[in-house]
Amino acid sequence: KGDNGRQMIEMMRKRSETFYQNVVNNVIMLLCNIEEASQRCVEKDSLYAAKDWTGENCIKASDFECPTGMCERTSNCYWKSVMEGEERI
């Protein structure tokens, strides 16, 4: 019994860093609620609203503008971090 387990572990140790990064990314996406997470804009009072260090102003990307009263969403399993004046795609 133990030999099979040891062989499996030895095979896993030989995998590349890319392999492990793909495993982590796949687990994150599996646990992610894509329908909710893919919504780019959230209410400006939401805990998920991306704001500047003062917490008063929404951070705005250059490639999209949220409707009035909405802010870009903070980073999550779907969106990368929003940076003021930069594309988010």
C-alpha atoms as a PDB file:
ATOM      1  CA  LYS A   1       0.000   0.000   0.000  1.00  0.00           C
ATOM      2  CA  GLY A   2       2.669   2.498   0.975  1.00  0.00           C
ATOM      3  CA  ASP A   3       4.691   1.971  -2.204  1.00  0.00           C
ATOM      4  CA  ASN A   4       1.885   3.246  -4.418  1.00  0.00           C
ATOM      5  CA  GLY A   5       1.499   6.373  -2.324  1.00  0.00           C
ATOM      6  CA  ARG A   6       5.229   7.063  -2.321  1.00  0.00           C
ATOM      7  CA  GLN A   7       5.405   6.591  -6.098  1.00  0.00           C
ATOM      8  CA  MET A   8       2.542   9.026  -6.598  1.00  0.00           C
ATOM      9  CA  ILE A   9       4.221  11.630  -4.375  1.00  0.00           C
ATOM     10  CA  GLU A  10       7.525  11.184  -6.219  1.00  0.00           C
ATOM     11  CA  MET A  11       5.756  11.746  -9.561  1.00  0.00           C
ATOM     12  CA  MET A  12       4.066  14.880  -8.199  1.00  0.00           C
ATOM     13  CA  ARG A  13       7.391  16.289  -6.998  1.00  0.00           C
ATOM     14  CA  LYS A  14       8.769  16.097 -10.534  1.00  0.00           C
ATOM     15  CA  ARG A  15       6.053  18.379 -11.919  1.00  0.00           C
ATOM     16  CA  SER A  16       6.890  21.895 -13.075  1.00  0.00           C
ATOM     17  CA  GLU A  17       5.957  25.124 -11.333  1.00  0.00           C
ATOM     18  CA  THR A  18       3.525  25.795 -14.187  1.00  0.00           C
ATOM     19  CA  PHE A  19       1.721  22.524 -13.435  1.00  0.00           C
ATOM     20  CA  TYR A  20       1.152  23.562  -9.817  1.00  0.00           C
ATOM     21  CA  GLN A  21       0.085  27.080 -10.790  1.00  0.00           C
ATOM     22  CA  ASN A  22      -2.477  25.576 -13.179  1.00  0.00           C
ATOM     23  CA  VAL A  23      -3.782  23.306 -10.406  1.00  0.00           C
ATOM     24  CA  VAL A  24      -4.206  26.291  -8.056  1.00  0.00           C
ATOM     25  CA  ASN A  25      -5.884  28.386 -10.792  1.00  0.00           C
ATOM     26  CA  ASN A  26      -8.271  25.542 -11.610  1.00  0.00           C
ATOM     27  CA  VAL A  27      -9.242  25.085  -7.948  1.00  0.00           C
ATOM     28  CA  ILE A  28      -9.864  28.826  -7.595  1.00  0.00           C
ATOM     29  CA  MET A  29     -12.069  28.850 -10.688  1.00  0.00           C
ATOM     30  CA  LEU A  30     -13.904  25.729  -9.496  1.00  0.00           C
ATOM     31  CA  LEU A  31     -14.781  27.483  -6.234  1.00  0.00           C
ATOM     32  CA  CYS A  32     -15.612  30.779  -7.966  1.00  0.00           C
ATOM     33  CA  ASN A  33     -19.199  31.832  -8.610  1.00  0.00           C
ATOM     34  CA  ILE A  34     -18.513  33.070 -12.159  1.00  0.00           C
ATOM     35  CA  GLU A  35     -21.972  34.553 -12.648  1.00  0.00           C
ATOM     36  CA  GLU A  36     -21.595  36.849  -9.652  1.00  0.00           C
ATOM     37  CA  ALA A  37     -17.841  37.432  -9.913  1.00  0.00           C
ATOM     38  CA  SER A  38     -17.962  38.404 -13.594  1.00  0.00           C
ATOM     39  CA  GLN A  39     -20.099  41.476 -12.895  1.00  0.00           C
ATOM     40  CA  ARG A  40     -17.626  44.288 -13.385  1.00  0.00           C
ATOM     41  CA  CYS A  41     -19.536  47.050 -11.601  1.00  0.00           C
ATOM     42  CA  VAL A  42     -20.965  47.011  -8.077  1.00  0.00           C
ATOM     43  CA  GLU A  43     -22.843  49.575  -5.990  1.00  0.00           C
ATOM     44  CA  LYS A  44     -20.467  52.315  -4.810  1.00  0.00           C
ATOM     45  CA  ASP A  45     -21.301  51.457  -1.171  1.00  0.00           C
ATOM     46  CA  SER A  46     -20.505  47.762  -1.662  1.00  0.00           C
ATOM     47  CA  LEU A  47     -17.643  46.151   0.245  1.00  0.00           C
ATOM     48  CA  TYR A  48     -16.440  44.974  -3.176  1.00  0.00           C
ATOM     49  CA  ALA A  49     -16.172  48.482  -4.671  1.00  0.00           C
ATOM     50  CA  ALA A  50     -12.600  49.351  -5.702  1.00  0.00           C
ATOM     51  CA  LYS A  51     -11.784  52.697  -4.110  1.00  0.00           C
ATOM     52  CA  ASP A  52      -8.714  54.845  -3.544  1.00  0.00           C
ATOM     53  CA  TRP A  53      -6.838  54.892  -0.255  1.00  0.00           C
ATOM     54  CA  THR A  54      -9.274  57.411   1.244  1.00  0.00           C
ATOM     55  CA  GLY A  55     -12.193  55.070   0.597  1.00  0.00           C
ATOM     56  CA  GLU A  56     -14.129  57.953  -0.940  1.00  0.00           C
ATOM     57  CA  ASN A  57     -13.424  57.761  -4.680  1.00  0.00           C
ATOM     58  CA  CYS A  58     -13.982  54.888  -7.080  1.00  0.00           C
ATOM     59  CA  ILE A  59     -10.925  53.738  -9.000  1.00  0.00           C
ATOM     60  CA  LYS A  60     -11.606  54.058 -12.723  1.00  0.00           C
ATOM     61  CA  ALA A  61     -10.053  51.949 -15.453  1.00  0.00           C
ATOM     62  CA  SER A  62      -9.431  53.506 -18.868  1.00  0.00           C
ATOM     63  CA  ASP A  63     -11.246  50.833 -20.894  1.00  0.00           C
ATOM     64  CA  PHE A  64     -14.672  50.943 -19.214  1.00  0.00           C
ATOM     65  CA  GLU A  65     -16.919  53.280 -17.259  1.00  0.00           C
ATOM     66  CA  CYS A  66     -19.418  52.003 -14.725  1.00  0.00           C
ATOM     67  CA  PRO A  67     -22.863  53.617 -14.612  1.00  0.00           C
ATOM     68  CA  THR A  68     -23.524  56.433 -12.144  1.00  0.00           C
ATOM     69  CA  GLY A  69     -23.604  55.171  -8.568  1.00  0.00           C
ATOM     70  CA  MET A  70     -21.492  52.134  -9.401  1.00  0.00           C
ATOM     71  CA  CYS A  71     -17.769  51.366  -9.018  1.00  0.00           C
ATOM     72  CA  GLU A  72     -15.394  48.853 -10.527  1.00  0.00           C
ATOM     73  CA  ARG A  73     -15.318  45.621  -8.533  1.00  0.00           C
ATOM     74  CA  THR A  74     -12.198  44.771  -6.514  1.00  0.00           C
ATOM     75  CA  SER A  75     -10.074  41.907  -7.796  1.00  0.00           C
ATOM     76  CA  ASN A  76     -11.490  38.419  -7.481  1.00  0.00           C
ATOM     77  CA  CYS A  77     -11.312  35.053  -9.220  1.00  0.00           C
ATOM     78  CA  TYR A  78     -12.531  36.691 -12.443  1.00  0.00           C
ATOM     79  CA  TRP A  79     -11.151  40.244 -12.487  1.00  0.00           C
ATOM     80  CA  LYS A  80      -7.587  41.385 -11.896  1.00  0.00           C
ATOM     81  CA  SER A  81      -6.949  44.476  -9.770  1.00  0.00           C
ATOM     82  CA  VAL A  82      -8.176  47.745 -11.205  1.00  0.00           C
ATOM     83  CA  MET A  83      -5.525  50.446 -11.551  1.00  0.00           C
ATOM     84  CA  GLU A  84      -6.508  54.073 -12.046  1.00  0.00           C
ATOM     85  CA  GLY A  85      -6.376  55.034 -15.738  1.00  0.00           C
ATOM     86  CA  GLU A  86      -5.185  51.607 -16.945  1.00  0.00           C
ATOM     87  CA  GLU A  87      -6.962  48.947 -18.959  1.00  0.00           C
ATOM     88  CA  ARG A  88      -8.361  46.108 -16.916  1.00  0.00           C
ATOM     89  CA  ILE A  89      -8.736  43.516 -19.652  1.00  0.00           C
END
